[in-house]
Every structure is written in structure tokens, then in C-alpha cells.
């Protein structure tokens, strides 16, 4: 069955899909790289007060959402370019609900293009998982640093005084 699919021109769909996945992963990697460089350069990984942490969480979430929107746009532009959906709004909407695995089902791709949808959803899940992992790692780092400062402060204040 797979060989029949590939002989019937399915190899083109596989190639296109792999290309879209590669572009998506590259966009994510570049977005991560920029984000991490900014976090390191600005010393944002060492925040000292809760208000700064809150502000940094908003920036972090906003940047990650922007990266995902670019990735959704890559797929949406492809759908629009190939005429898979009637207009740009439908193409971007379909891409967004597919990438995020919401999948309302109110729009579907034409039959020859349907295998793209689950692969976009799988790619979206993986990219969202990476973003979640980064978010968790940064927050864990902040909490760990805060706990070290508290422990060091308590240890320092509990030290016996020399007379």
C-alpha cells in the first residue's frame, strides 16, 4: 500500500511535508536561540524580585507564542499558495486549529492534501512540547536560584557570632 502510494505520486506529498516540518523546526530552533541569547545577555535568568519574574514570564510567553504564530503562518501560507483552501483567512485559520490540535472540523483539506493535517498537528504538538519544556526549565531555574538565596540567607543569619 505504501509503495502504491509513493508510485502514484505520494512521494511529492512526503517531500512537501518533510520540507514543511523542517522549516517549522528551524523556525523554532532560531526562536529558541534568540530567546536564550537574550535571556543570558540581559541576565534575566537571575531575577531577584517577584515583579521582575512576572514581567519576564509575560515576555517569555509572548515570544514563544510569536514563534508558534510564525510556524502556523508557514503552513497557512503553503495551504493558501497551493489553493488548498478558498482564501488566506481560511488557510491561516485551518493551520492554527490544526497546529494546536483544536481541530474543529469546520474546514478540511481537499482529499489529495489531507495527509498534511495530521502531520501538521503532530509537528505542532512537538513544538508546543518544546516550548513548554523551555518555559518549565526557565521557571525551575528561577525557583532554584530563589531557594538558594533563601537557604544561603537563612544559613548566614543562623551562623554563630564570634565575640
Protein backbone atom coordinates (compact mmCIF):
# COMPACT_ATOMS: atom_id res chain seq x y z
CA UNK A 1 0.00 0.00 0.00
CA UNK A 2 2.83 2.43 0.84
CA UNK A 3 4.64 1.56 -2.37
CA UNK A 4 1.44 2.11 -4.38
CA UNK A 5 1.01 5.49 -2.67
CA UNK A 6 4.58 6.53 -3.49
CA UNK A 7 4.34 5.30 -7.10
CA UNK A 8 1.07 7.23 -7.55
CA UNK A 9 2.87 10.48 -6.75
CA UNK A 10 2.73 10.30 -2.98
CA UNK A 11 6.48 10.90 -2.80
CA UNK A 12 5.78 14.54 -3.70
CA UNK A 13 3.44 14.88 -0.72
CA UNK A 14 6.02 13.22 1.53
CA UNK A 15 8.71 15.62 0.27
CA UNK A 16 6.47 18.67 0.77
CA UNK A 17 5.52 17.52 4.25
CA UNK A 18 9.12 16.90 5.26
CA UNK A 19 10.02 20.34 3.93
CA UNK A 20 7.28 22.00 6.00
CA UNK A 21 8.34 20.06 9.10
CA UNK A 22 12.00 21.04 8.59
CA UNK A 23 11.09 24.72 8.14
CA UNK A 24 8.92 24.58 11.27
CA UNK A 25 11.70 23.03 13.36
CA UNK A 26 14.26 25.53 12.02
CA UNK A 27 11.97 28.45 12.90
CA UNK A 28 11.57 27.01 16.39
CA UNK A 29 15.31 26.47 16.80
CA UNK A 30 16.07 30.03 15.69
CA UNK A 31 13.35 31.38 18.01
CA UNK A 32 14.80 29.39 20.93
CA UNK A 33 18.32 30.51 20.12
CA UNK A 34 17.34 34.19 20.04
CA UNK A 35 15.33 33.83 23.24
CA UNK A 36 18.11 32.08 25.13
CA UNK A 37 20.72 34.61 23.98
CA UNK A 38 18.51 37.47 25.15
CA UNK A 39 17.84 35.76 28.49
CA UNK A 40 21.57 35.21 29.06
CA UNK A 41 22.65 38.64 27.77
CA UNK A 42 20.10 40.50 29.90
CA UNK A 43 20.82 38.38 33.00
CA UNK A 44 17.11 37.57 33.01
CA UNK A 45 17.85 34.11 34.39
CA UNK A 46 18.83 35.72 37.70
CA UNK A 47 15.78 37.84 38.62
CA UNK A 48 15.66 38.97 42.20
CA UNK A 49 12.15 40.22 42.80
CA UNK A 50 8.72 38.71 42.08
CA UNK A 51 7.58 41.63 39.89
CA UNK A 52 10.55 41.16 37.58
CA UNK A 53 9.85 37.43 37.41
CA UNK A 54 6.22 38.14 36.48
CA UNK A 55 7.27 40.57 33.77
CA UNK A 56 9.80 38.09 32.41
CA UNK A 57 7.15 35.33 32.32
CA UNK A 58 4.94 37.59 30.20
CA UNK A 59 7.86 38.31 27.83
CA UNK A 60 8.80 34.64 27.65
CA UNK A 61 5.23 33.53 26.91
CA UNK A 62 4.77 36.33 24.35
CA UNK A 63 7.96 35.39 22.49
CA UNK A 64 7.05 31.69 22.42
CA UNK A 65 3.55 32.49 21.13
CA UNK A 66 5.07 34.69 18.42
CA UNK A 67 7.35 31.82 17.35
CA UNK A 68 4.33 29.49 17.13
CA UNK A 69 2.40 32.07 15.09
CA UNK A 70 5.27 32.22 12.60
CA UNK A 71 5.22 28.42 12.36
CA UNK A 72 1.44 28.37 11.87
CA UNK A 73 1.89 31.02 9.17
CA UNK A 74 4.39 28.84 7.30
CA UNK A 75 1.79 26.08 6.98
CA UNK A 76 -1.02 28.58 6.31
CA UNK A 77 0.97 30.24 3.52
CA UNK A 78 1.59 26.84 1.98
CA UNK A 79 -2.12 25.95 2.07
CA UNK A 80 -3.01 29.32 0.54
CA UNK A 81 -0.27 29.11 -2.11
CA UNK A 82 -1.41 25.64 -3.16
CA UNK A 83 -5.08 26.64 -3.23
CA UNK A 84 -5.95 24.02 -0.62
CA UNK A 85 -8.46 26.38 0.98
CA UNK A 86 -10.61 29.14 -0.53
CA UNK A 87 -8.79 32.17 0.89
CA UNK A 88 -5.91 33.31 3.11
CA UNK A 89 -8.10 33.69 6.20
CA UNK A 90 -9.33 30.10 5.86
CA UNK A 91 -5.80 28.82 5.25
CA UNK A 92 -4.38 30.51 8.36
CA UNK A 93 -7.41 29.57 10.46
CA UNK A 94 -7.17 25.93 9.36
CA UNK A 95 -3.44 25.91 10.06
CA UNK A 96 -3.95 27.39 13.53
CA UNK A 97 -6.61 24.95 14.61
CA UNK A 98 -4.65 22.05 13.16
CA UNK A 99 -1.26 23.04 14.61
CA UNK A 100 -2.77 23.47 18.06
CA UNK A 101 -4.78 20.23 17.66
CA UNK A 102 -8.07 22.01 18.34
CA UNK A 103 -9.42 20.59 15.08
CA UNK A 104 -12.96 21.95 14.91
CA UNK A 105 -13.58 20.12 11.64
CA UNK A 106 -15.41 23.01 10.02
CA UNK A 107 -12.72 23.17 7.33
CA UNK A 108 -10.95 20.24 5.73
CA UNK A 109 -8.25 19.98 3.11
CA UNK A 110 -9.04 18.57 -0.32
CA UNK A 111 -8.53 14.82 -0.45
CA UNK A 112 -5.04 14.82 -2.02
CA UNK A 113 -3.75 17.17 0.70
CA UNK A 114 -5.44 15.58 3.73
CA UNK A 115 -2.34 13.69 4.94
CA UNK A 116 -0.76 17.08 5.71
CA UNK A 117 -3.24 17.87 8.50
CA UNK A 118 -2.26 15.14 10.98
CA UNK A 119 1.41 15.77 10.28
CA UNK A 120 0.97 19.49 10.96
CA UNK A 121 -0.84 18.57 14.19
CA UNK A 122 1.96 16.21 15.21
CA UNK A 123 4.56 18.89 14.45
CA UNK A 124 2.54 21.43 16.44
CA UNK A 125 2.35 19.09 19.43
CA UNK A 126 6.11 18.58 19.33
CA UNK A 127 6.85 22.31 19.03
CA UNK A 128 4.41 23.17 21.83
CA UNK A 129 6.06 20.49 23.94
CA UNK A 130 9.48 22.05 23.32
CA UNK A 131 8.14 25.46 24.30
CA UNK A 132 6.56 24.02 27.43
CA UNK A 133 9.86 22.36 28.29
CA UNK A 134 11.77 25.61 27.87
CA UNK A 135 9.19 27.53 29.91
CA UNK A 136 9.41 24.89 32.67
CA UNK A 137 13.23 24.91 32.60
CA UNK A 138 13.40 28.70 32.92
CA UNK A 139 10.85 28.80 35.75
CA UNK A 140 12.63 25.91 37.51
CA UNK A 141 15.91 27.79 37.19
CA UNK A 142 14.36 30.91 38.73
CA UNK A 143 12.82 28.91 41.59
CA UNK A 144 16.09 27.07 42.21
CA UNK A 145 18.03 30.35 42.34
CA UNK A 146 15.46 31.86 44.70
CA UNK A 147 15.62 28.84 47.00
CA UNK A 148 19.43 29.00 47.05
CA UNK A 149 19.32 32.66 48.03
CA UNK A 150 16.79 31.97 50.79
CA UNK A 151 18.79 28.99 52.09
CA UNK A 152 22.05 30.97 51.98
CA UNK A 153 20.39 33.89 53.76
CA UNK A 154 18.98 31.63 56.49
CA UNK A 155 22.30 29.84 56.85
CA UNK A 156 24.16 33.14 57.09
CA UNK A 157 21.77 34.57 59.69
CA UNK A 158 21.90 31.35 61.76
CA UNK A 159 25.71 31.31 61.91
CA UNK A 160 27.11 31.82 65.40
CA UNK A 161 28.54 35.22 66.10
CA UNK A 162 32.15 35.46 67.35
CA UNK A 163 32.65 37.63 70.42
